[in-house]
Amino acid sequence: MKQPQEQPTIPTGNSGYIQAFLAYLLWGVLPIVFAYYMTSHPVDLLAWRIIFALGVTLAAISCMRGAWKRLGTAMKTRRDHLLLILAGHLILINWAIYIYAVATNRVLEASLGYFINPVVTIVLGVVLLKERLRGLQWTAVIVSCIAVIVLTVEHGHLPWISLTLACSFALYSLVKNKTGPSVDSLTGLTVETLWLAVPSTVWLVLASMGLLGTAAGIGVFETFDTVQSVTLPVVGFVTVIPLVLFAAAAARLPLSTVGMFQYIAPIAQFLFGYFVFHEAMSTGRWIGFILVWVAVIILIADVLRQIRQNPKLRITTSQTAREEPVDYTS
């Protein structure tokens, strides 16, 4: 007599909400983390972040079912491998500018970059993918452009930190979206940091030999106190853990719902920049930020309207978008 087959467990949404919230909250507290571990030369911190992130990803895939196989497939698939190398260089630019922003007390500019990131993504869709925009999306783009003009006039130059962060991350997301179904977030980050670890190691070795000016390499441990020295690997964990949480949330929630959580990170960054780092906000800067927030509200309204008009968006998760779902809870 046949035993009844056990039905697969369908991920529940409640844990997905928690995972999405924690993922973006962790991304939001990065300024505090980087400020605590800031080195005399910001590239030292960038290099250590990459090295420790690689270590964390390798440890993570060692604990996950089928992860080594997915990594091997990504490395052997020439197209995916090349795309991940490109993605790695884009995220390197993003990480470097972000750390520079924290080092130079420009966290507010960094937060602005992630507020306008969805708008930049929309513009890239029009320019590179020939997508057609809806009315509200056009309105959000126009309002964001006005905000950039206001901020440019206020500062006397383009808000290059914000624009570089927004453009690099939007391009990174676009490239990652072109990879095959076997490349989940953790696999992709492992390949990216694997390649980035090479120049990072070279930097740390040369810096340790005193050949790169104020860069210290392994000498940063001499300037750190005991707690900083022992806990420096945290910069790797805060790089990988939010990504894993995000992937797990995307497997349980509609993508449109996950997208609503993305503004937690720049809101947290703004609050840290303003209240903790006490960065100045002139009248012109307030006007620029408020215009960007108006654009964000318009985009959220557009997403909500699309969800009402197309109920299928409510049940589309990354599990239905990918051929090989990954169990991030094992």
Protein backbone atom coordinates (compact mmCIF):
# COMPACT_ATOMS: atom_id res chain seq x y z
CA MET A 1 0.00 0.00 0.00
CA LYS A 2 1.40 3.39 -1.06
CA GLN A 3 2.17 5.92 1.59
CA PRO A 4 0.56 9.30 0.97
CA GLN A 5 3.07 11.76 -0.44
CA GLU A 6 4.00 14.61 1.86
CA GLN A 7 2.86 17.93 0.48
CA PRO A 8 5.57 20.59 0.17
CA THR A 9 5.40 23.36 2.69
CA ILE A 10 4.43 26.66 1.19
CA PRO A 11 6.45 29.52 2.63
CA THR A 12 4.36 31.78 4.77
CA GLY A 13 4.24 35.50 4.27
CA ASN A 14 4.61 36.54 7.92
CA SER A 15 8.27 35.51 8.08
CA GLY A 16 8.75 37.19 4.70
CA TYR A 17 7.70 40.55 6.11
CA ILE A 18 10.16 40.18 8.97
CA GLN A 19 12.96 39.14 6.63
CA ALA A 20 12.33 42.04 4.25
CA PHE A 21 12.22 44.51 7.12
CA LEU A 22 15.44 43.20 8.66
CA ALA A 23 17.23 43.15 5.29
CA TYR A 24 16.55 46.81 4.56
CA LEU A 25 17.07 47.81 8.18
CA LEU A 26 20.55 46.26 8.12
CA TRP A 27 21.30 48.12 4.87
CA GLY A 28 20.06 51.23 6.61
CA VAL A 29 22.46 50.96 9.57
CA LEU A 30 25.56 50.54 7.39
CA PRO A 31 26.68 54.16 8.01
CA ILE A 32 27.01 53.43 11.74
CA VAL A 33 28.90 50.19 11.08
CA PHE A 34 31.32 51.76 8.61
CA ALA A 35 31.86 54.82 10.78
CA TYR A 36 32.81 52.55 13.70
CA TYR A 37 35.34 50.59 11.63
CA MET A 38 36.54 53.49 9.47
CA THR A 39 40.24 53.33 8.66
CA SER A 40 42.67 56.18 7.92
CA HIS A 41 42.39 55.25 4.24
CA PRO A 42 38.82 54.29 3.20
CA VAL A 43 40.09 51.77 0.63
CA ASP A 44 41.47 49.67 3.48
CA LEU A 45 37.94 49.26 4.84
CA LEU A 46 36.63 48.49 1.34
CA ALA A 47 39.27 45.78 0.88
CA TRP A 48 38.53 44.20 4.26
CA ARG A 49 34.81 44.31 3.51
CA ILE A 50 35.35 42.36 0.29
CA ILE A 51 37.68 39.79 1.90
CA PHE A 52 35.37 39.11 4.83
CA ALA A 53 32.27 39.09 2.60
CA LEU A 54 33.89 36.37 0.49
CA GLY A 55 34.64 34.39 3.64
CA VAL A 56 31.04 34.68 4.81
CA THR A 57 29.60 33.66 1.42
CA LEU A 58 31.87 30.61 1.21
CA ALA A 59 30.86 29.60 4.74
CA ALA A 60 27.19 30.12 3.89
CA ILE A 61 27.18 28.05 0.72
CA SER A 62 28.97 25.27 2.63
CA CYS A 63 25.90 25.06 4.88
CA MET A 64 23.28 25.11 2.11
CA ARG A 65 21.97 22.22 0.08
CA GLY A 66 23.12 22.28 -3.55
CA ALA A 67 24.92 25.62 -3.18
CA TRP A 68 28.33 24.36 -4.35
CA LYS A 69 26.69 22.87 -7.43
CA ARG A 70 25.04 26.22 -8.26
CA LEU A 71 28.37 27.99 -7.75
CA GLY A 72 30.10 25.54 -10.09
CA THR A 73 27.39 25.98 -12.71
CA ALA A 74 27.69 29.78 -12.55
CA MET A 75 31.47 29.60 -12.91
CA LYS A 76 31.28 27.21 -15.87
CA THR A 77 28.54 29.10 -17.73
CA ARG A 78 30.59 31.65 -19.68
CA ARG A 79 27.78 34.19 -20.13
CA ASP A 80 26.76 34.15 -16.47
CA HIS A 81 30.38 34.27 -15.32
CA LEU A 82 31.17 37.33 -17.47
CA LEU A 83 27.98 39.06 -16.33
CA LEU A 84 28.91 38.45 -12.70
CA ILE A 85 32.41 39.87 -13.27
CA LEU A 86 30.78 43.00 -14.72
CA ALA A 87 28.32 43.09 -11.81
CA GLY A 88 31.22 42.78 -9.38
CA HIS A 89 32.91 45.87 -10.82
CA LEU A 90 29.66 47.82 -10.62
CA ILE A 91 29.04 46.89 -7.00
CA LEU A 92 32.70 47.73 -6.27
CA ILE A 93 32.03 51.29 -7.44
CA ASN A 94 28.90 51.39 -5.30
CA TRP A 95 30.64 50.10 -2.17
CA ALA A 96 33.63 52.40 -2.65
CA ILE A 97 31.50 55.55 -3.04
CA TYR A 98 29.33 54.58 -0.07
CA ILE A 99 32.34 54.12 2.22
CA TYR A 100 33.78 57.38 0.90
CA ALA A 101 30.48 59.13 1.73
CA VAL A 102 30.64 57.86 5.31
CA ALA A 103 34.32 58.78 5.63
CA THR A 104 33.69 62.35 4.46
CA ASN A 105 30.46 62.91 6.44
CA ARG A 106 28.17 62.86 3.41
CA VAL A 107 25.72 60.21 4.55
CA LEU A 108 22.76 62.40 3.55
CA GLU A 109 24.00 62.38 -0.05
CA ALA A 110 24.26 58.60 0.13
CA SER A 111 20.68 58.31 1.39
CA LEU A 112 19.53 60.55 -1.46
CA GLY A 113 21.16 58.15 -3.92
CA TYR A 114 19.04 55.26 -2.69
CA PHE A 115 15.88 57.38 -2.67
CA ILE A 116 16.35 58.16 -6.38
CA ASN A 117 17.57 54.66 -7.28
CA PRO A 118 14.08 53.48 -8.37
CA VAL A 119 13.80 56.51 -10.66
CA VAL A 120 17.21 55.80 -12.20
CA THR A 121 16.14 52.19 -12.72
CA ILE A 122 13.06 53.39 -14.58
CA VAL A 123 15.18 55.69 -16.78
CA LEU A 124 17.55 52.83 -17.60
CA GLY A 125 14.55 50.74 -18.59
CA VAL A 126 13.52 53.42 -21.08
CA VAL A 127 17.02 54.04 -22.46
CA LEU A 128 18.39 50.49 -22.56
CA LEU A 129 15.31 48.27 -22.70
CA LYS A 130 13.01 50.63 -24.67
CA GLU A 131 10.30 50.30 -22.02
CA ARG A 132 7.27 52.58 -22.09
CA LEU A 133 6.51 54.63 -19.00
CA ARG A 134 3.13 55.19 -17.43
CA GLY A 135 1.98 58.72 -16.62
CA LEU A 136 2.85 58.58 -12.92
CA GLN A 137 6.30 57.19 -13.71
CA TRP A 138 6.97 60.11 -16.07
CA THR A 139 5.84 62.49 -13.34
CA ALA A 140 8.23 60.88 -10.83
CA VAL A 141 11.14 61.14 -13.30
CA ILE A 142 10.43 64.82 -13.99
CA VAL A 143 10.11 65.67 -10.28
CA SER A 144 13.40 63.85 -9.58
CA CYS A 145 15.16 65.77 -12.36
CA ILE A 146 13.92 69.04 -10.84
CA ALA A 147 15.28 67.88 -7.47
CA VAL A 148 18.71 67.19 -8.99
CA ILE A 149 18.70 70.65 -10.60
CA VAL A 150 17.79 72.27 -7.26
CA LEU A 151 20.57 70.39 -5.45
CA THR A 152 23.06 71.22 -8.20
CA VAL A 153 22.28 74.93 -7.91
CA GLU A 154 22.48 74.70 -4.11
CA HIS A 155 25.89 73.00 -4.03
CA GLY A 156 27.35 74.48 -7.21
CA HIS A 157 27.93 71.01 -8.65
CA LEU A 158 26.02 67.83 -9.42
CA PRO A 159 25.23 65.63 -6.40
CA TRP A 160 27.72 63.13 -7.82
CA ILE A 161 27.77 60.84 -4.81
CA SER A 162 24.00 60.38 -4.96
CA LEU A 163 23.96 59.93 -8.74
CA THR A 164 26.90 57.51 -8.74
CA LEU A 165 25.35 55.36 -6.02
CA ALA A 166 21.97 55.34 -7.78
CA CYS A 167 23.39 54.63 -11.26
CA SER A 168 25.90 51.98 -10.16
CA PHE A 169 23.28 50.06 -8.18
CA ALA A 170 20.66 50.37 -10.94
CA LEU A 171 23.16 49.05 -13.51
CA TYR A 172 24.21 46.31 -11.09
CA SER A 173 20.59 45.22 -10.71
CA LEU A 174 20.11 45.29 -14.48
CA VAL A 175 23.17 43.10 -15.08
CA LYS A 176 22.18 40.64 -12.33
CA ASN A 177 18.72 40.38 -13.88
CA LYS A 178 20.34 39.10 -17.08
CA THR A 179 22.01 36.11 -15.43
CA GLY A 180 20.61 32.60 -15.75
CA PRO A 181 18.20 30.86 -13.34
CA SER A 182 20.99 29.00 -11.51
CA VAL A 183 22.50 32.27 -10.26
CA ASP A 184 20.76 33.13 -7.00
CA SER A 185 21.82 36.13 -4.92
CA LEU A 186 24.31 34.27 -2.73
CA THR A 187 25.93 32.48 -5.66
CA GLY A 188 26.24 35.74 -7.55
CA LEU A 189 27.79 37.59 -4.61
CA THR A 190 30.26 34.74 -4.08
CA VAL A 191 31.53 34.95 -7.68
CA GLU A 192 31.65 38.75 -7.53
CA THR A 193 33.63 38.90 -4.28
CA LEU A 194 35.85 36.04 -5.47
CA TRP A 195 37.08 38.22 -8.32
CA LEU A 196 37.20 41.39 -6.22
CA ALA A 197 39.19 39.60 -3.54
CA VAL A 198 42.22 39.44 -5.85
CA PRO A 199 42.86 43.22 -6.14
CA SER A 200 41.73 43.62 -2.50
CA THR A 201 44.40 41.19 -1.34
CA VAL A 202 47.02 42.93 -3.48
CA TRP A 203 45.99 46.28 -1.96
CA LEU A 204 46.21 44.98 1.61
CA VAL A 205 49.62 43.39 1.00
CA LEU A 206 51.08 46.54 -0.59
CA ALA A 207 49.49 48.73 2.09
CA SER A 208 50.93 46.51 4.81
CA MET A 209 54.38 47.07 3.25
CA GLY A 210 53.84 50.83 3.51
CA LEU A 211 53.77 51.37 -0.25
CA LEU A 212 50.34 53.06 -0.48
CA GLY A 213 50.66 56.26 1.53
CA THR A 214 48.30 56.41 4.49
CA ALA A 215 46.83 52.98 3.72
CA ALA A 216 47.75 50.51 6.45
CA GLY A 217 46.48 47.13 5.23
CA ILE A 218 46.90 44.68 8.06
CA GLY A 219 48.25 47.57 10.10
CA VAL A 220 44.69 48.78 10.74
CA PHE A 221 44.61 46.35 13.65
CA GLU A 222 47.29 48.44 15.34
CA THR A 223 45.00 51.50 15.25
CA PHE A 224 41.88 49.60 16.31
CA ASP A 225 41.03 48.84 19.91
CA THR A 226 40.50 45.23 20.97
CA VAL A 227 36.75 45.19 20.25
CA GLN A 228 37.21 46.66 16.76
CA SER A 229 39.99 44.22 15.93
CA VAL A 230 38.04 41.17 17.05
CA THR A 231 34.76 42.21 15.43
CA LEU A 232 36.06 43.58 12.10
CA PRO A 233 34.57 40.54 10.25
CA VAL A 234 31.20 42.18 11.00
CA VAL A 235 31.72 44.24 7.82
CA GLY A 236 31.49 40.97 5.90
CA PHE A 237 28.40 39.77 7.72
CA VAL A 238 26.51 43.05 7.17
CA THR A 239 27.29 42.68 3.47
CA VAL A 240 25.98 39.13 3.09
CA ILE A 241 23.21 38.71 5.68
CA PRO A 242 20.88 41.42 4.29
CA LEU A 243 21.21 39.85 0.84
CA VAL A 244 20.23 36.41 2.14
CA LEU A 245 17.32 37.90 4.10
CA PHE A 246 16.17 39.78 1.02
CA ALA A 247 16.27 36.63 -1.12
CA ALA A 248 14.31 34.70 1.51
CA ALA A 249 11.71 37.48 1.72
CA ALA A 250 11.38 37.63 -2.06
CA ALA A 251 10.63 33.89 -2.04
CA ARG A 252 7.69 34.45 0.32
CA LEU A 253 6.21 37.80 -0.65
CA PRO A 254 5.01 39.41 -3.88
CA LEU A 255 7.84 41.34 -5.48
CA SER A 256 5.74 44.51 -5.38
CA THR A 257 5.44 44.13 -1.59
CA VAL A 258 9.17 43.57 -1.16
CA GLY A 259 9.77 46.68 -3.23
CA MET A 260 7.81 48.77 -0.74
CA PHE A 261 10.36 47.91 1.95
CA GLN A 262 13.27 49.34 -0.05
CA TYR A 263 12.74 52.85 1.32
CA ILE A 264 13.51 51.71 4.88
CA ALA A 265 17.24 51.80 4.09
CA PRO A 266 17.51 55.40 2.79
CA ILE A 267 15.13 56.63 5.51
CA ALA A 268 17.40 55.08 8.17
CA GLN A 269 20.48 56.50 6.44
CA PHE A 270 18.90 59.95 6.34
CA LEU A 271 18.04 59.79 10.04
CA PHE A 272 21.58 58.71 10.93
CA GLY A 273 23.09 61.42 8.74
CA TYR A 274 20.92 64.17 10.20
CA PHE A 275 20.57 63.18 13.86
CA VAL A 276 23.70 61.13 14.56
CA PHE A 277 26.33 62.62 12.24
CA HIS A 278 24.74 66.09 12.45
CA GLU A 279 25.15 66.85 8.75
CA ALA A 280 23.81 70.25 7.70
CA MET A 281 20.55 70.67 5.80
CA SER A 282 20.22 74.07 4.11
CA THR A 283 16.90 75.37 2.76
CA GLY A 284 17.86 74.43 -0.79
CA ARG A 285 18.84 70.95 0.33
CA TRP A 286 15.53 70.47 2.13
CA ILE A 287 13.68 71.50 -1.04
CA GLY A 288 15.72 68.99 -3.08
CA PHE A 289 15.10 66.15 -0.65
CA ILE A 290 11.38 66.94 -0.36
CA LEU A 291 11.05 66.86 -4.15
CA VAL A 292 12.73 63.44 -4.20
CA TRP A 293 10.38 62.21 -1.47
CA VAL A 294 7.43 63.45 -3.54
CA ALA A 295 8.78 61.43 -6.49
CA VAL A 296 9.03 58.36 -4.22
CA ILE A 297 5.42 58.79 -3.07
CA ILE A 298 4.32 59.05 -6.71
CA LEU A 299 6.13 55.80 -7.54
CA ILE A 300 4.54 54.03 -4.56
CA ALA A 301 1.12 55.27 -5.65
CA ASP A 302 1.79 53.95 -9.16
CA VAL A 303 2.78 50.52 -7.81
CA LEU A 304 -0.32 50.32 -5.62
CA ARG A 305 -2.51 51.29 -8.57
CA GLN A 306 -0.93 48.59 -10.73
CA ILE A 307 -1.50 46.00 -8.02
CA ARG A 308 -5.19 46.90 -7.84
CA GLN A 309 -5.56 46.73 -11.61
CA ASN A 310 -3.53 43.52 -12.00
CA PRO A 311 -4.14 41.05 -9.12
CA LYS A 312 -1.50 38.67 -10.56
CA LEU A 313 1.18 41.02 -9.25
CA ARG A 314 0.12 40.09 -5.72
CA ILE A 315 1.21 36.48 -6.13
CA THR A 316 4.36 36.88 -8.19
CA THR A 317 7.40 36.02 -6.12
CA SER A 318 10.98 35.18 -6.98
CA GLN A 319 10.03 31.51 -6.69
CA THR A 320 7.78 31.88 -9.74
CA ALA A 321 10.32 34.00 -11.56
CA ARG A 322 13.20 31.55 -11.16
CA GLU A 323 13.39 28.01 -12.49
CA GLU A 324 15.55 26.84 -9.59
CA PRO A 325 14.23 28.12 -6.26
CA VAL A 326 16.78 28.29 -3.50
CA ASP A 327 16.03 27.31 0.05
CA TYR A 328 17.57 30.12 2.13
CA THR A 329 16.05 28.75 5.30
CA SER A 330 17.99 25.48 5.39
